[in-house]
C-alpha atoms as a PDB file:
ATOM      1  CA  MET A   1     139.362  63.657 121.990  1.00  0.00           C
ATOM      2  CA  ARG A   2     142.987  63.987 122.124  1.00  0.00           C
ATOM      3  CA  PRO A   3     144.925  67.330 122.328  1.00  0.00           C
ATOM      4  CA  TRP A   4     145.236  69.086 118.754  1.00  0.00           C
ATOM      5  CA  ARG A   5     148.439  70.816 117.930  1.00  0.00           C
ATOM      6  CA  LEU A   6     148.670  74.629 116.803  1.00  0.00           C
ATOM      7  CA  ILE A   7     151.286  75.903 114.291  1.00  0.00           C
ATOM      8  CA  ILE A   8     151.360  79.390 113.719  1.00  0.00           C
ATOM      9  CA  ASP A   9     154.307  79.497 111.007  1.00  0.00           C
ATOM     10  CA  LYS A  10     156.293  81.927 109.681  1.00  0.00           C
ATOM     11  CA  PRO A  11     155.997  83.088 105.967  1.00  0.00           C
ATOM     12  CA  ARG A  12     157.274  80.557 103.438  1.00  0.00           C
ATOM     13  CA  GLY A  13     157.726  80.332  99.704  1.00  0.00           C
ATOM     14  CA  ALA A  14     154.774  78.591  97.717  1.00  0.00           C
ATOM     15  CA  ALA A  15     156.628  75.104  97.301  1.00  0.00           C
ATOM     16  CA  GLU A  16     157.743  75.118 100.701  1.00  0.00           C
ATOM     17  CA  ASN A  17     154.518  75.957 102.151  1.00  0.00           C
ATOM     18  CA  MET A  18     152.911  72.992 100.084  1.00  0.00           C
ATOM     19  CA  ALA A  19     155.801  70.644 101.149  1.00  0.00           C
ATOM     20  CA  VAL A  20     155.136  71.686 104.821  1.00  0.00           C
ATOM     21  CA  ASP A  21     151.344  70.831 104.595  1.00  0.00           C
ATOM     22  CA  GLU A  22     152.295  67.359 103.053  1.00  0.00           C
ATOM     23  CA  ALA A  23     154.732  66.559 105.758  1.00  0.00           C
ATOM     24  CA  ILE A  24     152.438  67.294 108.292  1.00  0.00           C
ATOM     25  CA  LEU A  25     149.778  65.085 106.520  1.00  0.00           C
ATOM     26  CA  LYS A  26     152.745  62.203 106.261  1.00  0.00           C
ATOM     27  CA  SER A  27     153.273  62.783 110.224  1.00  0.00           C
ATOM     28  CA  CYS A  28     149.593  62.415 111.145  1.00  0.00           C
ATOM     29  CA  ALA A  29     149.510  59.293 108.835  1.00  0.00           C
ATOM     30  CA  GLU A  30     152.483  57.510 110.594  1.00  0.00           C
ATOM     31  CA  SER A  31     150.771  58.645 113.876  1.00  0.00           C
ATOM     32  CA  CYS A  32     154.114  60.685 114.736  1.00  0.00           C
ATOM     33  CA  ALA A  33     151.941  64.018 115.332  1.00  0.00           C
ATOM     34  CA  PRO A  34     148.544  64.817 116.837  1.00  0.00           C
ATOM     35  CA  PRO A  35     145.898  66.450 114.724  1.00  0.00           C
ATOM     36  CA  THR A  36     147.333  69.877 113.818  1.00  0.00           C
ATOM     37  CA  LEU A  37     145.818  73.050 112.719  1.00  0.00           C
ATOM     38  CA  ARG A  38     148.431  75.108 110.661  1.00  0.00           C
ATOM     39  CA  ILE A  39     148.031  78.787 109.758  1.00  0.00           C
ATOM     40  CA  TYR A  40     150.524  80.559 107.508  1.00  0.00           C
ATOM     41  CA  SER A  41     151.392  82.998 104.937  1.00  0.00           C
ATOM     42  CA  TRP A  42     153.321  83.508 101.794  1.00  0.00           C
ATOM     43  CA  LEU A  43     156.628  85.258 101.251  1.00  0.00           C
ATOM     44  CA  LYS A  44     155.385  86.240  97.517  1.00  0.00           C
ATOM     45  CA  PRO A  45     152.145  86.672  95.782  1.00  0.00           C
ATOM     46  CA  SER A  46     151.355  82.961  94.786  1.00  0.00           C
ATOM     47  CA  ILE A  47     148.691  81.051  93.150  1.00  0.00           C
ATOM     48  CA  SER A  48     148.061  77.327  94.056  1.00  0.00           C
ATOM     49  CA  LEU A  49     146.357  75.257  91.651  1.00  0.00           C
ATOM     50  CA  GLY A  50     144.199  72.437  92.329  1.00  0.00           C
ATOM     51  CA  TYR A  51     145.659  68.767  92.201  1.00  0.00           C
ATOM     52  CA  LEU A  52     143.792  67.918  88.787  1.00  0.00           C
ATOM     53  CA  GLN A  53     143.724  71.491  87.558  1.00  0.00           C
ATOM     54  CA  PRO A  54     144.999  71.698  83.990  1.00  0.00           C
ATOM     55  CA  VAL A  55     147.122  74.537  83.174  1.00  0.00           C
ATOM     56  CA  THR A  56     145.981  76.059  79.731  1.00  0.00           C
ATOM     57  CA  PRO A  57     146.840  79.440  78.265  1.00  0.00           C
ATOM     58  CA  ALA A  58     143.068  80.250  78.127  1.00  0.00           C
ATOM     59  CA  ARG A  59     142.667  79.853  81.985  1.00  0.00           C
ATOM     60  CA  LEU A  60     146.190  80.734  83.162  1.00  0.00           C
ATOM     61  CA  ASP A  61     148.353  83.192  81.704  1.00  0.00           C
ATOM     62  CA  LEU A  62     151.887  81.886  83.212  1.00  0.00           C
ATOM     63  CA  GLU A  63     154.007  84.438  81.265  1.00  0.00           C
ATOM     64  CA  TYR A  64     152.019  87.155  83.068  1.00  0.00           C
ATOM     65  CA  CYS A  65     152.328  85.604  86.210  1.00  0.00           C
ATOM     66  CA  ARG A  66     156.406  85.155  85.927  1.00  0.00           C
ATOM     67  CA  GLU A  67     156.545  88.821  84.839  1.00  0.00           C
ATOM     68  CA  ALA A  68     154.450  90.077  87.779  1.00  0.00           C
ATOM     69  CA  GLY A  69     156.593  87.656  90.011  1.00  0.00           C
ATOM     70  CA  ILE A  70     153.735  85.398  90.831  1.00  0.00           C
ATOM     71  CA  GLU A  71     154.532  81.999  92.311  1.00  0.00           C
ATOM     72  CA  ILE A  72     152.770  79.254  90.928  1.00  0.00           C
ATOM     73  CA  VAL A  73     152.720  75.842  92.850  1.00  0.00           C
ATOM     74  CA  ARG A  74     150.229  72.893  92.539  1.00  0.00           C
ATOM     75  CA  ARG A  75     148.380  71.574  95.663  1.00  0.00           C
ATOM     76  CA  ILE A  76     147.903  67.909  96.576  1.00  0.00           C
ATOM     77  CA  THR A  77     144.176  68.983  97.238  1.00  0.00           C
ATOM     78  CA  GLY A  78     141.889  69.360  94.672  1.00  0.00           C
ATOM     79  CA  GLY A  79     139.648  72.420  93.575  1.00  0.00           C
ATOM     80  CA  ARG A  80     140.332  75.437  91.459  1.00  0.00           C
ATOM     81  CA  ALA A  81     143.151  78.060  91.640  1.00  0.00           C
ATOM     82  CA  VAL A  82     143.501  80.055  95.082  1.00  0.00           C
ATOM     83  CA  ILE A  83     145.080  83.347  95.107  1.00  0.00           C
ATOM     84  CA  HIS A  84     147.407  84.024  98.188  1.00  0.00           C
ATOM     85  CA  GLY A  85     149.334  86.743  99.542  1.00  0.00           C
ATOM     86  CA  THR A  86     146.598  88.812 100.814  1.00  0.00           C
ATOM     87  CA  ASP A  87     144.685  85.979 102.695  1.00  0.00           C
ATOM     88  CA  VAL A  88     145.180  84.000 105.655  1.00  0.00           C
ATOM     89  CA  THR A  89     145.819  80.415 104.959  1.00  0.00           C
ATOM     90  CA  PHE A  90     145.152  77.449 106.968  1.00  0.00           C
ATOM     91  CA  SER A  91     145.593  73.679 107.015  1.00  0.00           C
ATOM     92  CA  ILE A  92     144.258  70.792 109.024  1.00  0.00           C
ATOM     93  CA  ALA A  93     145.843  67.344 109.109  1.00  0.00           C
ATOM     94  CA  LEU A  94     144.581  64.463 111.372  1.00  0.00           C
ATOM     95  CA  GLY A  95     144.409  60.844 110.916  1.00  0.00           C
ATOM     96  CA  GLU A  96     141.108  59.404 109.905  1.00  0.00           C
ATOM     97  CA  SER A  97     140.784  57.554 113.529  1.00  0.00           C
ATOM     98  CA  ASP A  98     140.547  60.948 115.083  1.00  0.00           C
ATOM     99  CA  LEU A  99     137.465  61.914 113.128  1.00  0.00           C
ATOM    100  CA  PRO A 100     134.408  61.834 115.530  1.00  0.00           C
ATOM    101  CA  GLU A 101     131.839  59.338 114.932  1.00  0.00           C
ATOM    102  CA  GLY A 102     129.540  60.210 112.089  1.00  0.00           C
ATOM    103  CA  CYS A 103     132.296  62.416 110.427  1.00  0.00           C
ATOM    104  CA  GLY A 104     133.871  59.639 108.327  1.00  0.00           C
ATOM    105  CA  SER A 105     132.757  60.765 104.946  1.00  0.00           C
ATOM    106  CA  VAL A 106     134.568  63.804 102.917  1.00  0.00           C
ATOM    107  CA  ILE A 107     131.439  66.036 103.307  1.00  0.00           C
ATOM    108  CA  ALA A 108     130.666  65.083 106.879  1.00  0.00           C
ATOM    109  CA  SER A 109     134.476  65.568 108.136  1.00  0.00           C
ATOM    110  CA  HIS A 110     134.690  69.150 106.029  1.00  0.00           C
ATOM    111  CA  ARG A 111     131.555  70.498 107.522  1.00  0.00           C
ATOM    112  CA  TRP A 112     133.115  69.160 110.897  1.00  0.00           C
ATOM    113  CA  LEU A 113     136.474  70.946 110.325  1.00  0.00           C
ATOM    114  CA  MET A 114     134.778  74.156 108.985  1.00  0.00           C
ATOM    115  CA  GLY A 115     132.988  74.538 112.227  1.00  0.00           C
ATOM    116  CA  GLY A 116     136.009  76.006 113.649  1.00  0.00           C
ATOM    117  CA  ILE A 117     136.312  78.509 110.756  1.00  0.00           C
ATOM    118  CA  VAL A 118     132.810  79.427 111.002  1.00  0.00           C
ATOM    119  CA  GLU A 119     132.980  80.172 114.931  1.00  0.00           C
ATOM    120  CA  GLY A 120     136.147  81.987 114.120  1.00  0.00           C
ATOM    121  CA  LEU A 121     134.704  84.115 111.692  1.00  0.00           C
ATOM    122  CA  ARG A 122     131.492  84.632 113.908  1.00  0.00           C
ATOM    123  CA  SER A 123     133.565  86.087 116.541  1.00  0.00           C
ATOM    124  CA  LEU A 124     134.801  88.813 114.039  1.00  0.00           C
ATOM    125  CA  GLY A 125     131.004  89.807 113.656  1.00  0.00           C
ATOM    126  CA  ILE A 126     130.795  87.947 110.050  1.00  0.00           C
ATOM    127  CA  GLU A 127     127.472  85.870 109.766  1.00  0.00           C
ATOM    128  CA  ALA A 128     129.224  82.907 108.262  1.00  0.00           C
ATOM    129  CA  GLU A 129     127.609  79.532 107.827  1.00  0.00           C
ATOM    130  CA  ILE A 130     128.155  76.280 106.136  1.00  0.00           C
ATOM    131  CA  GLY A 131     125.884  75.948 103.021  1.00  0.00           C
ATOM    132  CA  PRO A 132     123.729  72.976 102.349  1.00  0.00           C
ATOM    133  CA  GLU A 133     124.950  69.814 100.431  1.00  0.00           C
ATOM    134  CA  ARG A 134     124.105  71.214  97.099  1.00  0.00           C
ATOM    135  CA  ALA A 135     126.078  73.775  94.747  1.00  0.00           C
ATOM    136  CA  ILE A 136     124.281  77.126  94.355  1.00  0.00           C
ATOM    137  CA  ALA A 137     126.051  79.026  91.674  1.00  0.00           C
ATOM    138  CA  GLN A 138     129.146  78.499  89.665  1.00  0.00           C
ATOM    139  CA  SER A 139     131.185  79.541  86.560  1.00  0.00           C
ATOM    140  CA  GLU A 140     132.403  76.683  84.819  1.00  0.00           C
ATOM    141  CA  MET A 141     134.783  78.612  82.654  1.00  0.00           C
ATOM    142  CA  SER A 142     136.841  80.325  85.496  1.00  0.00           C
ATOM    143  CA  ALA A 143     139.735  78.843  87.158  1.00  0.00           C
ATOM    144  CA  ASP A 144     139.129  80.961  90.171  1.00  0.00           C
ATOM    145  CA  CYS A 145     138.427  79.080  93.161  1.00  0.00           C
ATOM    146  CA  PHE A 146     135.985  81.734  94.472  1.00  0.00           C
ATOM    147  CA  ALA A 147     134.172  81.849  91.305  1.00  0.00           C
ATOM    148  CA  HIS A 148     132.725  78.852  92.119  1.00  0.00           C
ATOM    149  CA  VAL A 149     130.227  78.250  95.117  1.00  0.00           C
ATOM    150  CA  ALA A 150     130.260  74.542  95.816  1.00  0.00           C
ATOM    151  CA  GLU A 151     128.032  72.439  98.388  1.00  0.00           C
ATOM    152  CA  CYS A 152     129.006  72.835 101.926  1.00  0.00           C
ATOM    153  CA  ASP A 153     131.197  76.044 101.333  1.00  0.00           C
ATOM    154  CA  VAL A 154     131.658  78.511 104.148  1.00  0.00           C
ATOM    155  CA  ARG A 155     129.531  81.574 102.903  1.00  0.00           C
ATOM    156  CA  VAL A 156     128.004  84.602 103.744  1.00  0.00           C
ATOM    157  CA  GLY A 157     124.609  84.586 102.049  1.00  0.00           C
ATOM    158  CA  ASN A 158     125.365  83.172  98.784  1.00  0.00           C
ATOM    159  CA  GLU A 159     128.751  84.234  98.485  1.00  0.00           C
ATOM    160  CA  LYS A 160     131.958  81.821  99.226  1.00  0.00           C
ATOM    161  CA  VAL A 161     134.051  83.454 101.921  1.00  0.00           C
ATOM    162  CA  VAL A 162     136.326  80.593 102.586  1.00  0.00           C
ATOM    163  CA  GLY A 163     137.866  78.497  99.646  1.00  0.00           C
ATOM    164  CA  SER A 164     138.950  74.743 100.906  1.00  0.00           C
ATOM    165  CA  ALA A 165     139.503  71.368  99.639  1.00  0.00           C
ATOM    166  CA  GLN A 166     140.436  68.124 101.138  1.00  0.00           C
ATOM    167  CA  VAL A 167     142.574  65.096 100.454  1.00  0.00           C
ATOM    168  CA  ARG A 168     143.257  61.917 102.074  1.00  0.00           C
ATOM    169  CA  ARG A 169     146.346  59.755 101.927  1.00  0.00           C
ATOM    170  CA  TRP A 170     147.699  56.867 104.096  1.00  0.00           C
ATOM    171  CA  GLY A 171     145.052  56.678 106.414  1.00  0.00           C
ATOM    172  CA  ALA A 172     144.909  60.462 106.919  1.00  0.00           C
ATOM    173  CA  LEU A 173     143.474  63.603 105.818  1.00  0.00           C
ATOM    174  CA  LEU A 174     144.662  67.010 104.791  1.00  0.00           C
ATOM    175  CA  GLU A 175     142.165  70.079 104.525  1.00  0.00           C
ATOM    176  CA  GLN A 176     143.725  73.314 103.048  1.00  0.00           C
ATOM    177  CA  GLY A 177     141.939  76.571 103.051  1.00  0.00           C
ATOM    178  CA  SER A 178     142.157  80.268 102.229  1.00  0.00           C
ATOM    179  CA  ILE A 179     140.120  83.199 103.873  1.00  0.00           C
ATOM    180  CA  PRO A 180     140.766  86.080 101.492  1.00  0.00           C
ATOM    181  CA  ARG A 181     141.432  89.299 103.545  1.00  0.00           C
ATOM    182  CA  ALA A 182     141.846  92.114 100.619  1.00  0.00           C
ATOM    183  CA  ALA A 183     142.092  92.129  96.734  1.00  0.00           C
ATOM    184  CA  PRO A 184     145.276  90.743  95.288  1.00  0.00           C
ATOM    185  CA  SER A 185     147.984  93.435  94.077  1.00  0.00           C
ATOM    186  CA  PHE A 186     147.990  92.035  90.661  1.00  0.00           C
ATOM    187  CA  ASP A 187     145.565  91.931  87.659  1.00  0.00           C
ATOM    188  CA  VAL A 188     143.414  88.990  88.373  1.00  0.00           C
ATOM    189  CA  THR A 189     141.535  89.203  84.978  1.00  0.00           C
ATOM    190  CA  ARG A 190     145.107  88.837  83.432  1.00  0.00           C
ATOM    191  CA  VAL A 191     145.896  85.701  85.436  1.00  0.00           C
ATOM    192  CA  PHE A 192     142.905  84.071  84.380  1.00  0.00           C
ATOM    193  CA  GLY A 193     141.524  85.340  81.303  1.00  0.00           C
ATOM    194  CA  ARG A 194     138.303  86.454  82.530  1.00  0.00           C
ATOM    195  CA  PRO A 195     136.820  89.469  84.681  1.00  0.00           C
ATOM    196  CA  ALA A 196     137.732  88.750  88.362  1.00  0.00           C
ATOM    197  CA  LYS A 197     134.915  87.652  91.004  1.00  0.00           C
ATOM    198  CA  PRO A 198     134.822  90.837  93.133  1.00  0.00           C
ATOM    199  CA  TYR A 199     136.433  90.193  96.483  1.00  0.00           C
ATOM    200  CA  ARG A 200     134.632  91.053  99.574  1.00  0.00           C
ATOM    201  CA  GLU A 201     136.967  93.502 101.114  1.00  0.00           C
ATOM    202  CA  HIS A 202     134.703  94.871 103.448  1.00  0.00           C
ATOM    203  CA  LEU A 203     134.164  91.949 105.373  1.00  0.00           C
ATOM    204  CA  LEU A 204     137.654  91.505 106.577  1.00  0.00           C
ATOM    205  CA  ALA A 205     139.790  94.633 105.022  1.00  0.00           C
ATOM    206  CA  GLN A 206     139.789  96.311 108.566  1.00  0.00           C
ATOM    207  CA  LYS A 207     141.305  93.001 110.355  1.00  0.00           C
ATOM    208  CA  SER A 208     145.001  92.455 110.416  1.00  0.00           C
ATOM    209  CA  PRO A 209     146.287  88.863 109.638  1.00  0.00           C
ATOM    210  CA  ASP A 210     146.811  88.452 113.570  1.00  0.00           C
ATOM    211  CA  GLU A 211     143.149  89.378 114.326  1.00  0.00           C
ATOM    212  CA  ILE A 212     141.864  86.781 111.872  1.00  0.00           C
ATOM    213  CA  SER A 213     144.473  84.030 112.980  1.00  0.00           C
ATOM    214  CA  GLN A 214     143.441  84.735 116.738  1.00  0.00           C
ATOM    215  CA  ALA A 215     139.828  84.454 115.850  1.00  0.00           C
ATOM    216  CA  LEU A 216     140.538  81.133 113.799  1.00  0.00           C
ATOM    217  CA  ILE A 217     142.185  79.759 117.079  1.00  0.00           C
ATOM    218  CA  LYS A 218     139.270  80.961 119.236  1.00  0.00           C
ATOM    219  CA  GLY A 219     137.017  79.190 116.843  1.00  0.00           C
ATOM    220  CA  PHE A 220     138.830  75.952 116.985  1.00  0.00           C
ATOM    221  CA  ASN A 221     139.122  76.004 120.769  1.00  0.00           C
ATOM    222  CA  ILE A 222     135.085  76.323 120.856  1.00  0.00           C
ATOM    223  CA  ALA A 223     134.241  73.812 118.267  1.00  0.00           C
ATOM    224  CA  LEU A 224     136.695  71.204 119.934  1.00  0.00           C
ATOM    225  CA  ALA A 225     135.818  72.325 123.610  1.00  0.00           C
ATOM    226  CA  GLN A 226     139.553  72.143 124.078  1.00  0.00           C
ATOM    227  CA  PRO A 227     142.490  74.456 123.657  1.00  0.00           C
ATOM    228  CA  LEU A 228     145.023  74.161 120.721  1.00  0.00           C
ATOM    229  CA  GLN A 229     148.522  73.345 122.177  1.00  0.00           C
ATOM    230  CA  GLN A 230     150.872  75.691 120.027  1.00  0.00           C
ATOM    231  CA  ALA A 231     154.162  73.833 119.023  1.00  0.00           C
ATOM    232  CA  ASP A 232     156.651  73.921 116.395  1.00  0.00           C
ATOM    233  CA  LEU A 233     157.178  71.631 113.429  1.00  0.00           C
ATOM    234  CA  THR A 234     159.194  69.025 114.325  1.00  0.00           C
ATOM    235  CA  THR A 235     162.675  68.300 112.872  1.00  0.00           C
ATOM    236  CA  ARG A 236     161.414  65.256 110.963  1.00  0.00           C
ATOM    237  CA  GLU A 237     158.682  67.259 109.421  1.00  0.00           C
ATOM    238  CA  LEU A 238     161.156  70.140 108.468  1.00  0.00           C
ATOM    239  CA  SER A 239     163.434  67.616 106.835  1.00  0.00           C
ATOM    240  CA  CYS A 240     160.525  66.052 104.855  1.00  0.00           C
ATOM    241  CA  ALA A 241     159.265  69.320 103.642  1.00  0.00           C
ATOM    242  CA  ALA A 242     162.744  70.086 102.403  1.00  0.00           C
ATOM    243  CA  ASP A 243     162.849  66.985 100.478  1.00  0.00           C
ATOM    244  CA  LEU A 244     159.241  67.547  99.241  1.00  0.00           C
ATOM    245  CA  ALA A 245     159.940  71.242  98.169  1.00  0.00           C
ATOM    246  CA  ALA A 246     162.967  70.275  96.054  1.00  0.00           C
ATOM    247  CA  GLU A 247     161.830  67.100  94.447  1.00  0.00           C
ATOM    248  CA  LYS A 248     158.173  67.645  94.011  1.00  0.00           C
ATOM    249  CA  TYR A 249     156.541  71.164  94.381  1.00  0.00           C
ATOM    250  CA  SER A 250     159.249  73.434  92.863  1.00  0.00           C
ATOM    251  CA  THR A 251     159.381  71.287  89.932  1.00  0.00           C
ATOM    252  CA  GLU A 252     157.942  72.170  86.623  1.00  0.00           C
ATOM    253  CA  ALA A 253     156.889  68.547  86.072  1.00  0.00           C
ATOM    254  CA  TRP A 254     154.591  68.701  89.062  1.00  0.00           C
ATOM    255  CA  THR A 255     153.290  72.115  88.733  1.00  0.00           C
ATOM    256  CA  CYS A 256     152.736  71.915  84.814  1.00  0.00           C
ATOM    257  CA  ARG A 257     151.868  68.380  84.632  1.00  0.00           C
ATOM    258  CA  LEU A 258     148.436  68.782  83.504  1.00  0.00           C
ATOM    259  CA  LYS A 259     147.627  70.555  80.409  1.00  0.00           C
END
């Protein structure tokens, strides 16, 4: 297994964060970057929508979001809406050729990648595990990612503690994930039009974002059996991200394309 790159990124706006993730995906697809774990945060409270998630007034109150200063962005990965700002967010990008034998499918690769997340959470004393390959519980009506527990989610008991989704493009894959640390600063019921899923603040509320980030790094060092190599985004990745943020992720045509 070749060395992995670690990027501990500065806080960025919603559009820029999604653009950076796609830029790294492109780098991995073009063999210009090694497998990469990026850990990052958000300049403002934000909500990222799943790639195919509709934007309807019944499921997402865009007017309230604008009034509350919440940035809305659409991800390249699937799934439902994820709240950012009080979470620790991560992404993992690598070429499909970097997957271990037997991990070629979406589910198998997801389980393998989440192994590092589970190891990290366990180092914080949280008894996390990857669920079975079947759904346990879900709310079909809620647009909130954490109201839906799917197969292979990272959970404590029957409750999801990590939201993540994967996409494959150009012979590479991107897994984007979020670990809630505390309840959002805004009214989630107003955002989604339904009572909010309780956040398990007691699990990570006493841990700082840096402590959680360091635990994730430790978890991946264990899961990969080698240390991550910290580095910066390349000039090429930053240029690509700037273009993607301006031309794609900051546009209403992208964010509100499904209604």
